[in-house]
C-alpha atoms as a PDB file:
ATOM      1  CA  MET A   1      43.728  -4.169  83.267  1.00  0.00           C
ATOM      2  CA  GLU A   2      46.702  -1.838  83.608  1.00  0.00           C
ATOM      3  CA  THR A   3      45.812   1.671  84.693  1.00  0.00           C
ATOM      4  CA  LYS A   4      47.268   4.884  83.240  1.00  0.00           C
ATOM      5  CA  ALA A   5      48.258   6.228  86.605  1.00  0.00           C
ATOM      6  CA  SER A   6      51.877   5.400  85.930  1.00  0.00           C
ATOM      7  CA  SER A   7      51.890   7.734  82.919  1.00  0.00           C
ATOM      8  CA  LEU A   8      50.843  10.736  84.984  1.00  0.00           C
ATOM      9  CA  PRO A   9      53.626  13.060  86.249  1.00  0.00           C
ATOM     10  CA  GLU A  10      54.453  12.590  89.884  1.00  0.00           C
ATOM     11  CA  PRO A  11      53.499  15.561  92.097  1.00  0.00           C
ATOM     12  CA  LEU A  12      56.338  17.772  93.250  1.00  0.00           C
ATOM     13  CA  PRO A  13      57.652  17.081  96.734  1.00  0.00           C
ATOM     14  CA  LYS A  14      56.281  19.380  99.394  1.00  0.00           C
ATOM     15  CA  THR A  15      59.667  21.062  99.824  1.00  0.00           C
ATOM     16  CA  ASP A  16      59.868  21.860  96.098  1.00  0.00           C
ATOM     17  CA  ARG A  17      56.380  23.391  96.163  1.00  0.00           C
ATOM     18  CA  SER A  18      57.410  25.445  99.186  1.00  0.00           C
ATOM     19  CA  ILE A  19      60.530  26.735  97.407  1.00  0.00           C
ATOM     20  CA  GLY A  20      58.467  27.622  94.366  1.00  0.00           C
ATOM     21  CA  ARG A  21      55.961  29.587  96.441  1.00  0.00           C
ATOM     22  CA  THR A  22      58.754  31.401  98.245  1.00  0.00           C
ATOM     23  CA  LEU A  23      60.450  32.375  94.995  1.00  0.00           C
ATOM     24  CA  ARG A  24      57.147  33.636  93.602  1.00  0.00           C
ATOM     25  CA  ALA A  25      56.624  35.619  96.789  1.00  0.00           C
ATOM     26  CA  LEU A  26      60.116  37.086  96.471  1.00  0.00           C
ATOM     27  CA  PHE A  27      59.477  38.115  92.876  1.00  0.00           C
ATOM     28  CA  GLU A  28      56.108  39.637  93.829  1.00  0.00           C
ATOM     29  CA  ALA A  29      57.739  41.558  96.700  1.00  0.00           C
ATOM     30  CA  THR A  30      60.034  43.346  94.229  1.00  0.00           C
ATOM     31  CA  ARG A  31      56.822  44.776  92.688  1.00  0.00           C
ATOM     32  CA  PRO A  32      57.548  44.279  88.978  1.00  0.00           C
ATOM     33  CA  LYS A  33      54.357  46.199  88.097  1.00  0.00           C
ATOM     34  CA  GLN A  34      55.950  49.340  89.515  1.00  0.00           C
ATOM     35  CA  ALA A  35      58.713  49.161  86.931  1.00  0.00           C
ATOM     36  CA  THR A  36      56.639  51.740  85.034  1.00  0.00           C
ATOM     37  CA  LYS A  37      58.074  54.356  87.411  1.00  0.00           C
ATOM     38  CA  ASN A  38      61.517  53.665  85.974  1.00  0.00           C
ATOM     39  CA  LEU A  39      60.376  54.742  82.502  1.00  0.00           C
ATOM     40  CA  PHE A  40      61.443  58.252  83.568  1.00  0.00           C
ATOM     41  CA  VAL A  41      64.951  57.011  82.696  1.00  0.00           C
ATOM     42  CA  PHE A  42      64.026  57.333  79.012  1.00  0.00           C
ATOM     43  CA  ALA A  43      62.963  61.006  79.253  1.00  0.00           C
ATOM     44  CA  ALA A  44      66.398  62.378  78.361  1.00  0.00           C
ATOM     45  CA  LEU A  45      66.694  59.983  75.412  1.00  0.00           C
ATOM     46  CA  VAL A  46      63.294  60.979  74.022  1.00  0.00           C
ATOM     47  CA  PHE A  47      63.797  64.740  74.368  1.00  0.00           C
ATOM     48  CA  ALA A  48      67.314  64.550  72.975  1.00  0.00           C
ATOM     49  CA  GLY A  49      65.765  63.117  69.797  1.00  0.00           C
ATOM     50  CA  ASP A  50      68.001  60.046  69.991  1.00  0.00           C
ATOM     51  CA  LEU A  51      65.404  57.360  70.656  1.00  0.00           C
ATOM     52  CA  PHE A  52      66.220  55.513  67.443  1.00  0.00           C
ATOM     53  CA  LYS A  53      69.979  55.529  67.901  1.00  0.00           C
ATOM     54  CA  ALA A  54      70.610  51.900  68.733  1.00  0.00           C
ATOM     55  CA  SER A  55      73.701  52.410  70.893  1.00  0.00           C
ATOM     56  CA  LEU A  56      72.072  55.100  73.051  1.00  0.00           C
ATOM     57  CA  PHE A  57      68.798  53.207  73.295  1.00  0.00           C
ATOM     58  CA  LEU A  58      70.617  50.114  74.541  1.00  0.00           C
ATOM     59  CA  ARG A  59      72.454  52.180  77.162  1.00  0.00           C
ATOM     60  CA  ALA A  60      69.168  53.726  78.306  1.00  0.00           C
ATOM     61  CA  LEU A  61      67.541  50.284  78.374  1.00  0.00           C
ATOM     62  CA  LEU A  62      70.405  48.963  80.502  1.00  0.00           C
ATOM     63  CA  ALA A  63      69.999  51.944  82.839  1.00  0.00           C
ATOM     64  CA  PHE A  64      66.280  51.146  83.066  1.00  0.00           C
ATOM     65  CA  LEU A  65      66.997  47.519  83.985  1.00  0.00           C
ATOM     66  CA  ILE A  66      69.530  48.591  86.625  1.00  0.00           C
ATOM     67  CA  PHE A  67      66.956  50.897  88.177  1.00  0.00           C
ATOM     68  CA  CYS A  68      64.454  48.005  88.156  1.00  0.00           C
ATOM     69  CA  ILE A  69      66.946  45.832  90.058  1.00  0.00           C
ATOM     70  CA  THR A  70      67.706  48.627  92.500  1.00  0.00           C
ATOM     71  CA  THR A  71      64.090  49.603  93.131  1.00  0.00           C
ATOM     72  CA  GLY A  72      63.204  45.953  93.661  1.00  0.00           C
ATOM     73  CA  GLY A  73      65.635  45.883  96.581  1.00  0.00           C
ATOM     74  CA  VAL A  74      64.250  49.173  97.887  1.00  0.00           C
ATOM     75  CA  TYR A  75      60.685  47.828  97.936  1.00  0.00           C
ATOM     76  CA  LEU A  76      61.872  44.809  99.911  1.00  0.00           C
ATOM     77  CA  PHE A  77      63.714  47.096 102.344  1.00  0.00           C
ATOM     78  CA  ASN A  78      60.637  49.255 102.915  1.00  0.00           C
ATOM     79  CA  ASP A  79      58.319  46.268 103.300  1.00  0.00           C
ATOM     80  CA  ILE A  80      60.561  44.774 105.982  1.00  0.00           C
ATOM     81  CA  PHE A  81      60.246  47.928 108.090  1.00  0.00           C
ATOM     82  CA  ASP A  82      56.561  48.467 107.272  1.00  0.00           C
ATOM     83  CA  ALA A  83      55.393  44.871 107.781  1.00  0.00           C
ATOM     84  CA  GLU A  84      53.533  45.535 111.033  1.00  0.00           C
ATOM     85  CA  ARG A  85      51.727  48.594 109.691  1.00  0.00           C
ATOM     86  CA  ASP A  86      51.007  46.915 106.358  1.00  0.00           C
ATOM     87  CA  ARG A  87      49.048  44.241 108.218  1.00  0.00           C
ATOM     88  CA  LEU A  88      46.599  46.984 109.210  1.00  0.00           C
ATOM     89  CA  HIS A  89      46.027  48.066 105.592  1.00  0.00           C
ATOM     90  CA  PRO A  90      43.145  46.438 103.661  1.00  0.00           C
ATOM     91  CA  GLN A  91      45.300  45.858 100.562  1.00  0.00           C
ATOM     92  CA  LYS A  92      48.905  45.953 101.761  1.00  0.00           C
ATOM     93  CA  ARG A  93      48.328  43.209 104.311  1.00  0.00           C
ATOM     94  CA  HIS A  94      48.471  40.759 101.395  1.00  0.00           C
ATOM     95  CA  ARG A  95      52.032  41.730 100.501  1.00  0.00           C
ATOM     96  CA  PRO A  96      54.456  38.786 100.769  1.00  0.00           C
ATOM     97  CA  ILE A  97      56.358  39.997 103.837  1.00  0.00           C
ATOM     98  CA  ALA A  98      53.320  41.306 105.705  1.00  0.00           C
ATOM     99  CA  SER A  99      51.400  38.078 105.035  1.00  0.00           C
ATOM    100  CA  GLY A 100      54.311  35.880 106.061  1.00  0.00           C
ATOM    101  CA  ALA A 101      54.754  34.296 102.628  1.00  0.00           C
ATOM    102  CA  LEU A 102      58.303  35.682 102.391  1.00  0.00           C
ATOM    103  CA  PRO A 103      60.636  35.107 105.372  1.00  0.00           C
ATOM    104  CA  ILE A 104      62.380  38.271 106.550  1.00  0.00           C
ATOM    105  CA  PRO A 105      65.918  36.728 106.567  1.00  0.00           C
ATOM    106  CA  LEU A 106      65.507  35.808 102.887  1.00  0.00           C
ATOM    107  CA  ALA A 107      64.164  39.295 102.163  1.00  0.00           C
ATOM    108  CA  TRP A 108      67.252  40.876 103.775  1.00  0.00           C
ATOM    109  CA  THR A 109      69.534  38.639 101.695  1.00  0.00           C
ATOM    110  CA  ALA A 110      67.715  39.678  98.531  1.00  0.00           C
ATOM    111  CA  VAL A 111      68.005  43.366  99.484  1.00  0.00           C
ATOM    112  CA  PHE A 112      71.787  43.217  99.785  1.00  0.00           C
ATOM    113  CA  CYS A 113      72.178  41.142  96.616  1.00  0.00           C
ATOM    114  CA  LEU A 114      69.958  43.376  94.472  1.00  0.00           C
ATOM    115  CA  GLU A 115      71.527  46.619  95.675  1.00  0.00           C
ATOM    116  CA  ALA A 116      75.053  45.249  95.205  1.00  0.00           C
ATOM    117  CA  VAL A 117      74.323  44.019  91.682  1.00  0.00           C
ATOM    118  CA  GLY A 118      72.589  47.273  90.734  1.00  0.00           C
ATOM    119  CA  SER A 119      75.390  49.481  92.091  1.00  0.00           C
ATOM    120  CA  ILE A 120      78.209  47.511  90.474  1.00  0.00           C
ATOM    121  CA  ALA A 121      76.428  47.353  87.108  1.00  0.00           C
ATOM    122  CA  ALA A 122      75.738  51.100  87.252  1.00  0.00           C
ATOM    123  CA  PHE A 123      79.426  51.974  87.536  1.00  0.00           C
ATOM    124  CA  PHE A 124      80.117  49.870  84.438  1.00  0.00           C
ATOM    125  CA  ILE A 125      77.964  52.323  82.455  1.00  0.00           C
ATOM    126  CA  ASN A 126      79.839  55.385  83.710  1.00  0.00           C
ATOM    127  CA  LEU A 127      80.849  57.121  86.914  1.00  0.00           C
ATOM    128  CA  ARG A 128      78.023  59.670  87.041  1.00  0.00           C
ATOM    129  CA  PHE A 129      75.338  57.039  86.551  1.00  0.00           C
ATOM    130  CA  GLY A 130      76.950  54.898  89.249  1.00  0.00           C
ATOM    131  CA  ILE A 131      76.909  57.836  91.667  1.00  0.00           C
ATOM    132  CA  THR A 132      73.247  58.436  90.786  1.00  0.00           C
ATOM    133  CA  ILE A 133      72.326  54.862  91.690  1.00  0.00           C
ATOM    134  CA  VAL A 134      74.229  55.062  94.981  1.00  0.00           C
ATOM    135  CA  ALA A 135      72.527  58.392  95.737  1.00  0.00           C
ATOM    136  CA  TYR A 136      69.147  56.816  94.981  1.00  0.00           C
ATOM    137  CA  ILE A 137      69.830  53.914  97.348  1.00  0.00           C
ATOM    138  CA  LEU A 138      70.993  56.247 100.141  1.00  0.00           C
ATOM    139  CA  LEU A 139      67.927  58.439  99.629  1.00  0.00           C
ATOM    140  CA  GLN A 140      65.619  55.442  99.935  1.00  0.00           C
ATOM    141  CA  VAL A 141      67.396  54.200 103.049  1.00  0.00           C
ATOM    142  CA  ALA A 142      67.025  57.674 104.588  1.00  0.00           C
ATOM    143  CA  TYR A 143      63.361  57.672 103.594  1.00  0.00           C
ATOM    144  CA  GLY A 144      62.772  54.280 105.175  1.00  0.00           C
ATOM    145  CA  LEU A 145      64.556  55.203 108.406  1.00  0.00           C
ATOM    146  CA  PHE A 146      63.380  58.746 109.108  1.00  0.00           C
ATOM    147  CA  LEU A 147      62.322  60.932 106.153  1.00  0.00           C
ATOM    148  CA  LYS A 148      58.942  59.224 105.877  1.00  0.00           C
ATOM    149  CA  GLN A 149      58.202  60.473 109.383  1.00  0.00           C
ATOM    150  CA  ILE A 150      58.669  64.162 108.487  1.00  0.00           C
ATOM    151  CA  VAL A 151      55.657  65.927 107.031  1.00  0.00           C
ATOM    152  CA  LEU A 152      56.133  67.226 103.456  1.00  0.00           C
ATOM    153  CA  LEU A 153      59.715  65.919 103.308  1.00  0.00           C
ATOM    154  CA  ASP A 154      58.266  62.422 102.991  1.00  0.00           C
ATOM    155  CA  VAL A 155      56.670  63.332  99.654  1.00  0.00           C
ATOM    156  CA  PHE A 156      59.674  65.413  98.546  1.00  0.00           C
ATOM    157  CA  ALA A 157      61.891  62.371  99.164  1.00  0.00           C
ATOM    158  CA  LEU A 158      59.657  60.259  96.933  1.00  0.00           C
ATOM    159  CA  ALA A 159      59.733  62.971  94.263  1.00  0.00           C
ATOM    160  CA  ALA A 160      63.532  63.153  94.475  1.00  0.00           C
ATOM    161  CA  GLY A 161      63.595  59.482  93.528  1.00  0.00           C
ATOM    162  CA  PHE A 162      61.880  60.308  90.229  1.00  0.00           C
ATOM    163  CA  LEU A 163      64.262  63.205  89.730  1.00  0.00           C
ATOM    164  CA  LEU A 164      67.237  60.856  90.094  1.00  0.00           C
ATOM    165  CA  ARG A 165      65.680  58.493  87.554  1.00  0.00           C
ATOM    166  CA  THR A 166      65.414  61.288  84.983  1.00  0.00           C
ATOM    167  CA  ALA A 167      68.899  62.623  85.702  1.00  0.00           C
ATOM    168  CA  GLY A 168      70.317  59.102  85.678  1.00  0.00           C
ATOM    169  CA  GLY A 169      68.879  58.503  82.225  1.00  0.00           C
ATOM    170  CA  GLY A 170      70.689  61.590  80.945  1.00  0.00           C
ATOM    171  CA  PHE A 171      73.946  60.577  82.629  1.00  0.00           C
ATOM    172  CA  ALA A 172      73.732  57.074  81.172  1.00  0.00           C
ATOM    173  CA  ILE A 173      73.604  58.323  77.565  1.00  0.00           C
ATOM    174  CA  LYS A 174      75.751  61.412  78.257  1.00  0.00           C
ATOM    175  CA  VAL A 175      73.313  64.093  77.130  1.00  0.00           C
ATOM    176  CA  GLY A 176      72.427  67.360  78.809  1.00  0.00           C
ATOM    177  CA  ILE A 177      69.108  67.663  80.608  1.00  0.00           C
ATOM    178  CA  SER A 178      67.048  70.852  80.583  1.00  0.00           C
ATOM    179  CA  PRO A 179      66.407  72.283  84.062  1.00  0.00           C
ATOM    180  CA  TRP A 180      62.786  72.745  82.977  1.00  0.00           C
ATOM    181  CA  LEU A 181      62.487  69.026  82.274  1.00  0.00           C
ATOM    182  CA  LEU A 182      63.859  68.273  85.736  1.00  0.00           C
ATOM    183  CA  LEU A 183      61.378  70.732  87.258  1.00  0.00           C
ATOM    184  CA  CYS A 184      58.524  69.054  85.376  1.00  0.00           C
ATOM    185  CA  THR A 185      59.645  65.694  86.720  1.00  0.00           C
ATOM    186  CA  LEU A 186      59.853  66.990  90.292  1.00  0.00           C
ATOM    187  CA  GLU A 187      56.456  68.685  90.178  1.00  0.00           C
ATOM    188  CA  LEU A 188      54.724  65.753  88.497  1.00  0.00           C
ATOM    189  CA  ALA A 189      56.168  63.420  91.133  1.00  0.00           C
ATOM    190  CA  LEU A 190      54.955  65.740  93.912  1.00  0.00           C
ATOM    191  CA  PHE A 191      51.504  65.674  92.339  1.00  0.00           C
ATOM    192  CA  LEU A 192      51.482  61.860  92.340  1.00  0.00           C
ATOM    193  CA  GLY A 193      52.867  61.765  95.891  1.00  0.00           C
ATOM    194  CA  PHE A 194      50.299  64.119  97.385  1.00  0.00           C
ATOM    195  CA  GLY A 195      47.569  62.285  95.465  1.00  0.00           C
ATOM    196  CA  LYS A 196      48.786  59.039  97.022  1.00  0.00           C
ATOM    197  CA  ARG A 197      48.683  60.530 100.534  1.00  0.00           C
ATOM    198  CA  ARG A 198      45.155  61.827  99.919  1.00  0.00           C
ATOM    199  CA  GLN A 199      43.888  58.463  98.790  1.00  0.00           C
ATOM    200  CA  GLU A 200      45.489  56.742 101.792  1.00  0.00           C
ATOM    201  CA  ILE A 201      43.573  59.047 104.149  1.00  0.00           C
ATOM    202  CA  VAL A 202      40.316  58.466 102.253  1.00  0.00           C
ATOM    203  CA  THR A 203      40.794  54.688 102.186  1.00  0.00           C
ATOM    204  CA  LEU A 204      41.941  54.193 105.780  1.00  0.00           C
ATOM    205  CA  GLY A 205      39.759  56.832 107.413  1.00  0.00           C
ATOM    206  CA  PRO A 206      40.249  57.157 111.196  1.00  0.00           C
ATOM    207  CA  ASP A 207      42.841  54.333 111.142  1.00  0.00           C
ATOM    208  CA  ALA A 208      45.135  56.143 108.709  1.00  0.00           C
ATOM    209  CA  GLY A 209      47.594  57.155 111.433  1.00  0.00           C
ATOM    210  CA  LYS A 210      47.900  53.565 112.648  1.00  0.00           C
ATOM    211  CA  HIS A 211      49.065  52.429 109.248  1.00  0.00           C
ATOM    212  CA  ARG A 212      51.280  55.405 108.466  1.00  0.00           C
ATOM    213  CA  PRO A 213      51.831  57.847 111.377  1.00  0.00           C
ATOM    214  CA  ILE A 214      52.765  60.713 109.058  1.00  0.00           C
ATOM    215  CA  LEU A 215      49.181  60.731 107.743  1.00  0.00           C
ATOM    216  CA  GLU A 216      48.094  62.320 111.022  1.00  0.00           C
ATOM    217  CA  GLU A 217      50.024  65.435 109.922  1.00  0.00           C
ATOM    218  CA  TYR A 218      48.001  65.761 106.715  1.00  0.00           C
ATOM    219  CA  SER A 219      44.388  66.647 106.118  1.00  0.00           C
ATOM    220  CA  LEU A 220      42.215  66.502 103.019  1.00  0.00           C
ATOM    221  CA  PRO A 221      41.906  70.329 102.715  1.00  0.00           C
ATOM    222  CA  LEU A 222      45.702  70.716 102.952  1.00  0.00           C
ATOM    223  CA  LEU A 223      46.358  67.988 100.387  1.00  0.00           C
ATOM    224  CA  ASP A 224      43.729  69.425  98.042  1.00  0.00           C
ATOM    225  CA  GLN A 225      45.519  72.787  98.102  1.00  0.00           C
ATOM    226  CA  LEU A 226      48.930  71.200  97.589  1.00  0.00           C
ATOM    227  CA  ILE A 227      47.651  69.091  94.693  1.00  0.00           C
ATOM    228  CA  GLY A 228      46.098  72.130  93.001  1.00  0.00           C
ATOM    229  CA  LEU A 229      49.332  74.075  93.421  1.00  0.00           C
ATOM    230  CA  VAL A 230      51.669  71.429  91.996  1.00  0.00           C
ATOM    231  CA  VAL A 231      49.336  70.706  89.073  1.00  0.00           C
ATOM    232  CA  ALA A 232      49.461  74.400  88.094  1.00  0.00           C
ATOM    233  CA  MET A 233      53.243  74.471  88.540  1.00  0.00           C
ATOM    234  CA  THR A 234      53.643  71.319  86.450  1.00  0.00           C
ATOM    235  CA  LEU A 235      51.649  72.770  83.590  1.00  0.00           C
ATOM    236  CA  ILE A 236      53.543  76.077  83.689  1.00  0.00           C
ATOM    237  CA  SER A 237      56.941  74.355  83.798  1.00  0.00           C
ATOM    238  CA  TYR A 238      56.086  72.030  80.925  1.00  0.00           C
ATOM    239  CA  SER A 239      54.681  74.905  78.873  1.00  0.00           C
ATOM    240  CA  VAL A 240      57.874  76.922  79.382  1.00  0.00           C
ATOM    241  CA  TYR A 241      59.940  73.858  78.521  1.00  0.00           C
ATOM    242  CA  ALA A 242      57.894  73.282  75.338  1.00  0.00           C
ATOM    243  CA  VAL A 243      58.409  76.907  74.205  1.00  0.00           C
ATOM    244  CA  GLU A 244      61.650  78.290  75.620  1.00  0.00           C
ATOM    245  CA  SER A 245      64.019  75.392  76.308  1.00  0.00           C
ATOM    246  CA  PRO A 246      66.943  74.579  73.965  1.00  0.00           C
ATOM    247  CA  SER A 247      64.986  71.512  72.788  1.00  0.00           C
ATOM    248  CA  ALA A 248      61.965  73.712  72.035  1.00  0.00           C
ATOM    249  CA  ARG A 249      64.071  76.214  70.076  1.00  0.00           C
ATOM    250  CA  SER A 250      65.412  73.450  67.851  1.00  0.00           C
ATOM    251  CA  HIS A 251      61.954  71.849  67.636  1.00  0.00           C
ATOM    252  CA  PRO A 252      59.639  74.890  67.478  1.00  0.00           C
ATOM    253  CA  HIS A 253      56.366  72.959  67.432  1.00  0.00           C
ATOM    254  CA  LEU A 254      56.855  71.116  70.699  1.00  0.00           C
ATOM    255  CA  TRP A 255      54.254  73.475  72.183  1.00  0.00           C
ATOM    256  CA  ALA A 256      51.588  71.372  70.407  1.00  0.00           C
ATOM    257  CA  THR A 257      52.022  68.688  73.069  1.00  0.00           C
ATOM    258  CA  VAL A 258      50.852  71.028  75.860  1.00  0.00           C
ATOM    259  CA  PRO A 259      47.089  70.346  75.408  1.00  0.00           C
ATOM    260  CA  ILE A 260      47.731  66.603  75.683  1.00  0.00           C
ATOM    261  CA  VAL A 261      49.674  67.083  78.907  1.00  0.00           C
ATOM    262  CA  LEU A 262      46.882  69.310  80.222  1.00  0.00           C
ATOM    263  CA  TYR A 263      44.289  66.644  79.490  1.00  0.00           C
ATOM    264  CA  GLY A 264      46.449  63.967  81.115  1.00  0.00           C
ATOM    265  CA  LEU A 265      46.726  65.998  84.328  1.00  0.00           C
ATOM    266  CA  PHE A 266      42.985  66.670  84.358  1.00  0.00           C
ATOM    267  CA  ARG A 267      42.250  63.001  83.708  1.00  0.00           C
ATOM    268  CA  TYR A 268      44.356  61.977  86.700  1.00  0.00           C
ATOM    269  CA  LEU A 269      42.603  64.553  88.871  1.00  0.00           C
ATOM    270  CA  TYR A 270      39.286  63.092  87.758  1.00  0.00           C
ATOM    271  CA  LEU A 271      40.439  59.599  88.727  1.00  0.00           C
ATOM    272  CA  VAL A 272      41.602  60.809  92.143  1.00  0.00           C
ATOM    273  CA  TYR A 273      38.557  62.908  93.047  1.00  0.00           C
ATOM    274  CA  ARG A 274      35.720  61.070  91.306  1.00  0.00           C
ATOM    275  CA  LYS A 275      36.892  57.462  91.067  1.00  0.00           C
ATOM    276  CA  GLY A 276      38.852  57.272  94.320  1.00  0.00           C
ATOM    277  CA  TRP A 277      42.053  56.146  92.598  1.00  0.00           C
ATOM    278  CA  GLY A 278      45.543  57.466  93.173  1.00  0.00           C
ATOM    279  CA  GLY A 279      46.723  55.296  96.055  1.00  0.00           C
ATOM    280  CA  ALA A 280      49.005  53.457  93.619  1.00  0.00           C
ATOM    281  CA  PRO A 281      49.913  55.615  90.586  1.00  0.00           C
ATOM    282  CA  ASP A 282      51.415  52.647  88.720  1.00  0.00           C
ATOM    283  CA  GLU A 283      48.099  50.775  88.970  1.00  0.00           C
ATOM    284  CA  VAL A 284      46.224  53.833  87.723  1.00  0.00           C
ATOM    285  CA  LEU A 285      48.431  53.847  84.625  1.00  0.00           C
ATOM    286  CA  LEU A 286      47.891  50.122  84.048  1.00  0.00           C
ATOM    287  CA  GLN A 287      44.106  50.254  84.549  1.00  0.00           C
ATOM    288  CA  ASP A 288      42.864  53.464  82.946  1.00  0.00           C
ATOM    289  CA  ARG A 289      42.628  53.172  79.176  1.00  0.00           C
ATOM    290  CA  PRO A 290      42.047  56.897  78.425  1.00  0.00           C
ATOM    291  CA  LEU A 291      45.190  57.759  80.399  1.00  0.00           C
ATOM    292  CA  GLN A 292      47.140  55.099  78.512  1.00  0.00           C
ATOM    293  CA  ILE A 293      45.935  56.493  75.187  1.00  0.00           C
ATOM    294  CA  THR A 294      46.828  60.023  76.291  1.00  0.00           C
ATOM    295  CA  ILE A 295      50.395  59.035  77.151  1.00  0.00           C
ATOM    296  CA  LEU A 296      50.731  57.121  73.881  1.00  0.00           C
ATOM    297  CA  LEU A 297      49.460  60.088  71.848  1.00  0.00           C
ATOM    298  CA  TRP A 298      51.832  62.440  73.680  1.00  0.00           C
ATOM    299  CA  PHE A 299      54.755  60.104  73.007  1.00  0.00           C
ATOM    300  CA  LEU A 300      53.916  59.685  69.323  1.00  0.00           C
ATOM    301  CA  LEU A 301      53.417  63.422  68.823  1.00  0.00           C
ATOM    302  CA  VAL A 302      56.776  64.175  70.448  1.00  0.00           C
ATOM    303  CA  LEU A 303      58.463  61.712  68.078  1.00  0.00           C
ATOM    304  CA  ILE A 304      56.693  63.159  65.033  1.00  0.00           C
ATOM    305  CA  LEU A 305      57.535  66.750  65.951  1.00  0.00           C
ATOM    306  CA  PHE A 306      61.160  65.905  66.659  1.00  0.00           C
ATOM    307  CA  ALA A 307      61.434  64.060  63.344  1.00  0.00           C
ATOM    308  CA  PHE A 308      59.929  66.835  61.190  1.00  0.00           C
ATOM    309  CA  ASP A 309      61.378  69.798  63.071  1.00  0.00           C
ATOM    310  CA  GLY A 310      64.790  68.197  63.036  1.00  0.00           C
ATOM    311  CA  HIS A 311      64.877  67.363  59.343  1.00  0.00           C
ATOM    312  CA  THR A 312      62.887  70.085  57.576  1.00  0.00           C
ATOM    313  CA  LYS A 313      63.510  73.801  57.246  1.00  0.00           C
ATOM    314  CA  GLY A 314      60.854  75.770  59.043  1.00  0.00           C
ATOM    315  CA  GLY A 315      59.763  72.754  61.067  1.00  0.00           C
ATOM    316  CA  LEU A 316      56.536  70.821  60.671  1.00  0.00           C
ATOM    317  CA  LEU A 317      54.477  73.841  59.555  1.00  0.00           C
ATOM    318  CA  GLY A 318      56.965  74.603  56.800  1.00  0.00           C
ATOM    319  CA  TYR A 319      56.906  70.984  55.711  1.00  0.00           C
ATOM    320  CA  LEU A 320      53.101  70.967  55.441  1.00  0.00           C
ATOM    321  CA  ILE A 321      53.119  74.228  53.434  1.00  0.00           C
ATOM    322  CA  LEU A 322      55.734  72.890  51.043  1.00  0.00           C
ATOM    323  CA  GLN A 323      53.670  69.763  50.450  1.00  0.00           C
ATOM    324  CA  ARG A 324      50.877  71.955  49.061  1.00  0.00           C
END
């Protein structure tokens, strides 16, 4: 009797399976989950009230994708230099380069290709956005080579990366960016950065310095004070932006978003101090449902306020009174 074995697909050759695993490792090493950090590119579009203008949205989306390509190369670059230390970390030792799943020569090739593609594409949008991408790459190279070894400047360098994302989003769509919005971005990024350092010390304990030498320069009491300071500064800056900025003057009810921002900051503090999260801010965003809902509510409220304040006399309050 004839068997059905001949109808089954033949297994892939060993070399093909190896190529497939390597490509998956390469994709994983670019950390696609951390693309959420590049959403800062859309800040200028949202606060300019132009989110639903198709041409500007497409330009912002293209800028977002270029940042994703560029940051993917940056993560590879950092992992190449940090491979030895990552092997000492309970989670990072599973990263493709640290675990040996991704060969370093291939990783270097991918770095140069991704950064070249990202830089060239950025200049096709406009000159200022192209310069922003180049500045971001140079900043990350400086961070990988020496800035990460300088206490406080290591976190400021990370925060500057978020600042360039926000500024780059404004440059891409050619709209002005409020200095208060840039300050909010910087301070929020410092908050996330210091929270990350704190969680690294808590997780690694006495071995923290072996994984990341700069952690020996920090202590939990110092980081707690820095976190408290930047949280207060973030709230003040956002409150001023929501009341006194040009966007706030043309949309006089933007202040209503302040309580949501306050709750979001407090929720993140709760996750850092009570749940032991914060080592990877992007994972916190992807895992915590209340924080996701908070960000969604903030986003929807901003859109509603911009829509009503921009198209009704007297803003949203005047609209509600007229409806009575």
